[in-house]
PDB file of all heavy atoms in Angstrom:
ATOM      1  N   THR A   1     150.264 239.137 -15.222  1.00  0.00           N
ATOM      2  CA  THR A   1     150.705 239.594 -16.535  1.00  0.00           C
ATOM      3  C   THR A   1     152.213 239.786 -16.646  1.00  0.00           C
ATOM      4  O   THR A   1     152.713 240.079 -17.738  1.00  0.00           O
ATOM      5  CB  THR A   1     150.003 240.909 -16.917  1.00  0.00           C
ATOM      6  OG1 THR A   1     150.131 241.842 -15.852  1.00  0.00           O
ATOM      7  CG2 THR A   1     148.546 240.681 -17.198  1.00  0.00           C
ATOM      8  N   ILE A   2     152.961 239.651 -15.569  1.00  0.00           N
ATOM      9  CA  ILE A   2     154.418 239.769 -15.677  1.00  0.00           C
ATOM     10  C   ILE A   2     155.139 238.447 -15.413  1.00  0.00           C
ATOM     11  O   ILE A   2     156.348 238.354 -15.588  1.00  0.00           O
ATOM     12  CB  ILE A   2     154.975 240.853 -14.737  1.00  0.00           C
ATOM     13  CG1 ILE A   2     154.776 240.478 -13.266  1.00  0.00           C
ATOM     14  CG2 ILE A   2     154.362 242.208 -15.042  1.00  0.00           C
ATOM     15  CD1 ILE A   2     155.544 241.375 -12.305  1.00  0.00           C
ATOM     16  N   ILE A   3     154.381 237.422 -14.987  1.00  0.00           N
ATOM     17  CA  ILE A   3     155.009 236.131 -14.708  1.00  0.00           C
ATOM     18  C   ILE A   3     155.369 235.423 -16.013  1.00  0.00           C
ATOM     19  O   ILE A   3     154.543 235.301 -16.917  1.00  0.00           O
ATOM     20  CB  ILE A   3     154.075 235.237 -13.860  1.00  0.00           C
ATOM     21  CG1 ILE A   3     153.954 235.777 -12.441  1.00  0.00           C
ATOM     22  CG2 ILE A   3     154.582 233.805 -13.817  1.00  0.00           C
ATOM     23  CD1 ILE A   3     152.964 235.019 -11.589  1.00  0.00           C
ATOM     24  N   GLN A   4     156.603 234.965 -16.108  1.00  0.00           N
ATOM     25  CA  GLN A   4     157.033 234.174 -17.255  1.00  0.00           C
ATOM     26  C   GLN A   4     157.027 232.682 -16.939  1.00  0.00           C
ATOM     27  O   GLN A   4     156.801 231.855 -17.813  1.00  0.00           O
ATOM     28  CB  GLN A   4     158.430 234.629 -17.696  1.00  0.00           C
ATOM     29  CG  GLN A   4     158.437 236.080 -18.176  1.00  0.00           C
ATOM     30  CD  GLN A   4     159.823 236.601 -18.459  1.00  0.00           C
ATOM     31  OE1 GLN A   4     160.781 236.338 -17.716  1.00  0.00           O
ATOM     32  NE2 GLN A   4     159.965 237.367 -19.537  1.00  0.00           N
ATOM     33  N   LYS A   5     157.271 232.363 -15.679  1.00  0.00           N
ATOM     34  CA  LYS A   5     157.164 230.980 -15.211  1.00  0.00           C
ATOM     35  C   LYS A   5     157.146 231.008 -13.692  1.00  0.00           C
ATOM     36  O   LYS A   5     157.523 231.996 -13.065  1.00  0.00           O
ATOM     37  CB  LYS A   5     158.325 230.120 -15.723  1.00  0.00           C
ATOM     38  CG  LYS A   5     159.703 230.574 -15.259  1.00  0.00           C
ATOM     39  CD  LYS A   5     160.790 229.661 -15.821  1.00  0.00           C
ATOM     40  CE  LYS A   5     162.178 230.139 -15.365  1.00  0.00           C
ATOM     41  NZ  LYS A   5     163.248 229.257 -15.871  1.00  0.00           N
ATOM     42  N   LEU A   6     156.690 229.918 -13.097  1.00  0.00           N
ATOM     43  CA  LEU A   6     156.702 229.775 -11.645  1.00  0.00           C
ATOM     44  C   LEU A   6     157.975 229.054 -11.212  1.00  0.00           C
ATOM     45  O   LEU A   6     158.562 228.319 -12.010  1.00  0.00           O
ATOM     46  CB  LEU A   6     155.469 229.002 -11.182  1.00  0.00           C
ATOM     47  CG  LEU A   6     154.135 229.750 -11.296  1.00  0.00           C
ATOM     48  CD1 LEU A   6     152.977 228.814 -10.973  1.00  0.00           C
ATOM     49  CD2 LEU A   6     154.104 230.961 -10.373  1.00  0.00           C
ATOM     50  N   PRO A   7     158.427 229.249  -9.974  1.00  0.00           N
ATOM     51  CA  PRO A   7     157.797 230.017  -8.902  1.00  0.00           C
ATOM     52  C   PRO A   7     157.902 231.522  -9.118  1.00  0.00           C
ATOM     53  O   PRO A   7     158.698 231.987  -9.937  1.00  0.00           O
ATOM     54  CB  PRO A   7     158.560 229.581  -7.655  1.00  0.00           C
ATOM     55  CG  PRO A   7     159.911 229.210  -8.161  1.00  0.00           C
ATOM     56  CD  PRO A   7     159.664 228.580  -9.512  1.00  0.00           C
ATOM     57  N   TYR A   8     157.094 232.274  -8.368  1.00  0.00           N
ATOM     58  CA  TYR A   8     157.044 233.715  -8.527  1.00  0.00           C
ATOM     59  C   TYR A   8     158.241 234.351  -7.829  1.00  0.00           C
ATOM     60  O   TYR A   8     158.215 234.673  -6.647  1.00  0.00           O
ATOM     61  CB  TYR A   8     155.724 234.250  -7.939  1.00  0.00           C
ATOM     62  CG  TYR A   8     155.622 235.759  -7.983  1.00  0.00           C
ATOM     63  CD1 TYR A   8     155.489 236.432  -9.195  1.00  0.00           C
ATOM     64  CD2 TYR A   8     155.647 236.508  -6.814  1.00  0.00           C
ATOM     65  CE1 TYR A   8     155.394 237.810  -9.240  1.00  0.00           C
ATOM     66  CE2 TYR A   8     155.550 237.888  -6.845  1.00  0.00           C
ATOM     67  CZ  TYR A   8     155.426 238.530  -8.067  1.00  0.00           C
ATOM     68  OH  TYR A   8     155.332 239.902  -8.097  1.00  0.00           O
ATOM     69  N   ASP A   9     159.323 234.493  -8.578  1.00  0.00           N
ATOM     70  CA  ASP A   9     160.520 235.200  -8.143  1.00  0.00           C
ATOM     71  C   ASP A   9     160.879 236.220  -9.216  1.00  0.00           C
ATOM     72  O   ASP A   9     160.487 236.079 -10.386  1.00  0.00           O
ATOM     73  CB  ASP A   9     161.691 234.233  -7.931  1.00  0.00           C
ATOM     74  CG  ASP A   9     161.531 233.415  -6.652  1.00  0.00           C
ATOM     75  OD1 ASP A   9     161.070 233.972  -5.640  1.00  0.00           O
ATOM     76  OD2 ASP A   9     161.854 232.213  -6.673  1.00  0.00           O
ATOM     77  N   ARG A  10     161.616 237.223  -8.837  1.00  0.00           N
ATOM     78  CA  ARG A  10     161.902 238.327  -9.764  1.00  0.00           C
ATOM     79  C   ARG A  10     162.498 237.836 -11.079  1.00  0.00           C
ATOM     80  O   ARG A  10     162.132 238.319 -12.156  1.00  0.00           O
ATOM     81  CB  ARG A  10     162.845 239.338  -9.097  1.00  0.00           C
ATOM     82  CG  ARG A  10     162.950 240.672  -9.852  1.00  0.00           C
ATOM     83  CD  ARG A  10     163.853 241.613  -9.089  1.00  0.00           C
ATOM     84  NE  ARG A  10     163.968 242.928  -9.697  1.00  0.00           N
ATOM     85  CZ  ARG A  10     163.213 243.978  -9.388  1.00  0.00           C
ATOM     86  NH1 ARG A  10     162.267 243.862  -8.482  1.00  0.00           N
ATOM     87  NH2 ARG A  10     163.406 245.154  -9.962  1.00  0.00           N
ATOM     88  N   GLU A  11     163.418 236.867 -10.998  1.00  0.00           N
ATOM     89  CA  GLU A  11     164.063 236.397 -12.221  1.00  0.00           C
ATOM     90  C   GLU A  11     163.114 235.633 -13.139  1.00  0.00           C
ATOM     91  O   GLU A  11     163.446 235.357 -14.295  1.00  0.00           O
ATOM     92  CB  GLU A  11     165.272 235.514 -11.888  1.00  0.00           C
ATOM     93  CG  GLU A  11     164.940 234.247 -11.124  1.00  0.00           C
ATOM     94  CD  GLU A  11     165.033 234.425  -9.622  1.00  0.00           C
ATOM     95  OE1 GLU A  11     164.932 235.583  -9.140  1.00  0.00           O
ATOM     96  OE2 GLU A  11     165.223 233.416  -8.928  1.00  0.00           O
ATOM     97  N   ASN A  12     161.934 235.299 -12.630  1.00  0.00           N
ATOM     98  CA  ASN A  12     160.927 234.611 -13.449  1.00  0.00           C
ATOM     99  C   ASN A  12     159.830 235.555 -13.933  1.00  0.00           C
ATOM    100  O   ASN A  12     158.788 235.115 -14.407  1.00  0.00           O
ATOM    101  CB  ASN A  12     160.290 233.466 -12.652  1.00  0.00           C
ATOM    102  CG  ASN A  12     161.282 232.373 -12.332  1.00  0.00           C
ATOM    103  OD1 ASN A  12     162.250 232.165 -13.070  1.00  0.00           O
ATOM    104  ND2 ASN A  12     161.054 231.664 -11.246  1.00  0.00           N
ATOM    105  N   THR A  13     160.071 236.861 -13.798  1.00  0.00           N
ATOM    106  CA  THR A  13     159.121 237.870 -14.259  1.00  0.00           C
ATOM    107  C   THR A  13     159.842 238.852 -15.183  1.00  0.00           C
ATOM    108  O   THR A  13     161.075 238.837 -15.302  1.00  0.00           O
ATOM    109  CB  THR A  13     158.519 238.655 -13.078  1.00  0.00           C
ATOM    110  OG1 THR A  13     159.505 239.564 -12.564  1.00  0.00           O
ATOM    111  CG2 THR A  13     158.053 237.722 -11.974  1.00  0.00           C
ATOM    112  N   VAL A  14     159.072 239.731 -15.809  1.00  0.00           N
ATOM    113  CA  VAL A  14     159.691 240.729 -16.679  1.00  0.00           C
ATOM    114  C   VAL A  14     160.525 241.731 -15.886  1.00  0.00           C
ATOM    115  O   VAL A  14     161.318 242.475 -16.469  1.00  0.00           O
ATOM    116  CB  VAL A  14     158.621 241.480 -17.491  1.00  0.00           C
ATOM    117  CG1 VAL A  14     157.881 240.525 -18.409  1.00  0.00           C
ATOM    118  CG2 VAL A  14     157.642 242.220 -16.590  1.00  0.00           C
ATOM    119  N   MET A  15     160.385 241.737 -14.547  1.00  0.00           N
ATOM    120  CA  MET A  15     161.177 242.646 -13.731  1.00  0.00           C
ATOM    121  C   MET A  15     162.650 242.246 -13.680  1.00  0.00           C
ATOM    122  O   MET A  15     163.477 243.003 -13.151  1.00  0.00           O
ATOM    123  CB  MET A  15     160.609 242.713 -12.310  1.00  0.00           C
ATOM    124  CG  MET A  15     159.272 243.430 -12.206  1.00  0.00           C
ATOM    125  SD  MET A  15     159.333 245.159 -12.746  1.00  0.00           S
ATOM    126  CE  MET A  15     160.392 245.876 -11.500  1.00  0.00           C
ATOM    127  N   GLU A  16     162.980 241.088 -14.213  1.00  0.00           N
ATOM    128  CA  GLU A  16     164.383 240.665 -14.230  1.00  0.00           C
ATOM    129  C   GLU A  16     165.257 241.647 -15.016  1.00  0.00           C
ATOM    130  O   GLU A  16     166.481 241.693 -14.844  1.00  0.00           O
ATOM    131  CB  GLU A  16     164.508 239.262 -14.822  1.00  0.00           C
ATOM    132  CG  GLU A  16     164.182 239.179 -16.307  1.00  0.00           C
ATOM    133  CD  GLU A  16     164.463 237.807 -16.888  1.00  0.00           C
ATOM    134  OE1 GLU A  16     165.292 237.081 -16.310  1.00  0.00           O
ATOM    135  OE2 GLU A  16     163.865 237.479 -17.930  1.00  0.00           O
ATOM    136  N   ASP A  17     164.648 242.426 -15.909  1.00  0.00           N
ATOM    137  CA  ASP A  17     165.405 243.384 -16.710  1.00  0.00           C
ATOM    138  C   ASP A  17     165.787 244.640 -15.938  1.00  0.00           C
ATOM    139  O   ASP A  17     166.538 245.472 -16.449  1.00  0.00           O
ATOM    140  CB  ASP A  17     164.593 243.792 -17.952  1.00  0.00           C
ATOM    141  CG  ASP A  17     164.357 242.633 -18.906  1.00  0.00           C
ATOM    142  OD1 ASP A  17     165.196 241.711 -18.921  1.00  0.00           O
ATOM    143  OD2 ASP A  17     163.343 242.647 -19.622  1.00  0.00           O
ATOM    144  N   PHE A  18     165.254 244.789 -14.725  1.00  0.00           N
ATOM    145  CA  PHE A  18     165.491 246.011 -13.955  1.00  0.00           C
ATOM    146  C   PHE A  18     166.228 245.679 -12.663  1.00  0.00           C
ATOM    147  O   PHE A  18     165.651 245.179 -11.703  1.00  0.00           O
ATOM    148  CB  PHE A  18     164.159 246.706 -13.642  1.00  0.00           C
ATOM    149  CG  PHE A  18     163.384 247.096 -14.864  1.00  0.00           C
ATOM    150  CD1 PHE A  18     162.399 246.253 -15.358  1.00  0.00           C
ATOM    151  CD2 PHE A  18     163.650 248.280 -15.526  1.00  0.00           C
ATOM    152  CE1 PHE A  18     161.680 246.591 -16.497  1.00  0.00           C
ATOM    153  CE2 PHE A  18     162.939 248.632 -16.666  1.00  0.00           C
ATOM    154  CZ  PHE A  18     161.947 247.785 -17.149  1.00  0.00           C
ATOM    155  N   GLY A  19     167.527 245.937 -12.665  1.00  0.00           N
ATOM    156  CA  GLY A  19     168.321 245.704 -11.467  1.00  0.00           C
ATOM    157  C   GLY A  19     167.967 246.708 -10.378  1.00  0.00           C
ATOM    158  O   GLY A  19     167.695 247.880 -10.658  1.00  0.00           O
ATOM    159  N   MET A  20     167.972 246.266  -9.133  1.00  0.00           N
ATOM    160  CA  MET A  20     167.617 247.148  -8.015  1.00  0.00           C
ATOM    161  C   MET A  20     168.754 248.114  -7.703  1.00  0.00           C
ATOM    162  O   MET A  20     169.926 247.740  -7.741  1.00  0.00           O
ATOM    163  CB  MET A  20     167.332 246.330  -6.756  1.00  0.00           C
ATOM    164  CG  MET A  20     166.190 245.358  -6.865  1.00  0.00           C
ATOM    165  SD  MET A  20     166.007 244.450  -5.296  1.00  0.00           S
ATOM    166  CE  MET A  20     165.345 242.888  -5.921  1.00  0.00           C
ATOM    167  N   CYS A  21     168.393 249.346  -7.374  1.00  0.00           N
ATOM    168  CA  CYS A  21     169.376 250.287  -6.847  1.00  0.00           C
ATOM    169  C   CYS A  21     169.705 249.891  -5.398  1.00  0.00           C
ATOM    170  O   CYS A  21     169.066 249.003  -4.826  1.00  0.00           O
ATOM    171  CB  CYS A  21     168.838 251.715  -6.901  1.00  0.00           C
ATOM    172  SG  CYS A  21     167.401 252.016  -5.836  1.00  0.00           S
ATOM    173  N   GLU A  22     170.676 250.547  -4.795  1.00  0.00           N
ATOM    174  CA  GLU A  22     171.100 250.179  -3.441  1.00  0.00           C
ATOM    175  C   GLU A  22     169.969 250.332  -2.430  1.00  0.00           C
ATOM    176  O   GLU A  22     169.804 249.498  -1.540  1.00  0.00           O
ATOM    177  CB  GLU A  22     172.299 251.028  -3.026  1.00  0.00           C
ATOM    178  CG  GLU A  22     173.593 250.680  -3.761  1.00  0.00           C
ATOM    179  CD  GLU A  22     174.777 251.457  -3.231  1.00  0.00           C
ATOM    180  OE1 GLU A  22     174.608 252.193  -2.221  1.00  0.00           O
ATOM    181  OE2 GLU A  22     175.878 251.336  -3.800  1.00  0.00           O
ATOM    182  N   LEU A  23     169.183 251.399  -2.558  1.00  0.00           N
ATOM    183  CA  LEU A  23     168.105 251.628  -1.597  1.00  0.00           C
ATOM    184  C   LEU A  23     167.002 250.582  -1.734  1.00  0.00           C
ATOM    185  O   LEU A  23     166.469 250.089  -0.738  1.00  0.00           O
ATOM    186  CB  LEU A  23     167.527 253.037  -1.782  1.00  0.00           C
ATOM    187  CG  LEU A  23     168.456 254.192  -1.386  1.00  0.00           C
ATOM    188  CD1 LEU A  23     167.823 255.536  -1.733  1.00  0.00           C
ATOM    189  CD2 LEU A  23     168.794 254.123   0.097  1.00  0.00           C
ATOM    190  N   CYS A  24     166.643 250.229  -2.968  1.00  0.00           N
ATOM    191  CA  CYS A  24     165.629 249.192  -3.175  1.00  0.00           C
ATOM    192  C   CYS A  24     166.141 247.834  -2.708  1.00  0.00           C
ATOM    193  O   CYS A  24     165.400 247.049  -2.118  1.00  0.00           O
ATOM    194  CB  CYS A  24     165.210 249.137  -4.649  1.00  0.00           C
ATOM    195  SG  CYS A  24     164.084 250.462  -5.153  1.00  0.00           S
ATOM    196  N   GLN A  25     167.414 247.566  -2.962  1.00  0.00           N
ATOM    197  CA  GLN A  25     168.002 246.298  -2.514  1.00  0.00           C
ATOM    198  C   GLN A  25     167.955 246.195  -0.996  1.00  0.00           C
ATOM    199  O   GLN A  25     167.653 245.133  -0.440  1.00  0.00           O
ATOM    200  CB  GLN A  25     169.451 246.190  -3.001  1.00  0.00           C
ATOM    201  CG  GLN A  25     170.123 244.856  -2.711  1.00  0.00           C
ATOM    202  CD  GLN A  25     169.600 243.722  -3.570  1.00  0.00           C
ATOM    203  OE1 GLN A  25     169.446 243.874  -4.769  1.00  0.00           O
ATOM    204  NE2 GLN A  25     169.326 242.576  -2.954  1.00  0.00           N
ATOM    205  N   ALA A  26     168.219 247.314  -0.319  1.00  0.00           N
ATOM    206  CA  ALA A  26     168.188 247.317   1.148  1.00  0.00           C
ATOM    207  C   ALA A  26     166.777 247.059   1.657  1.00  0.00           C
ATOM    208  O   ALA A  26     166.587 246.313   2.633  1.00  0.00           O
ATOM    209  CB  ALA A  26     168.718 248.642   1.678  1.00  0.00           C
TER     210      ALA A  26
END
């Protein structure tokens, strides 16, 4: 339900709108 297109990467999902904080990025 969050995939906008394949392949399944963050920029291809609705999560692209949420940048990772430093801890999540690590």
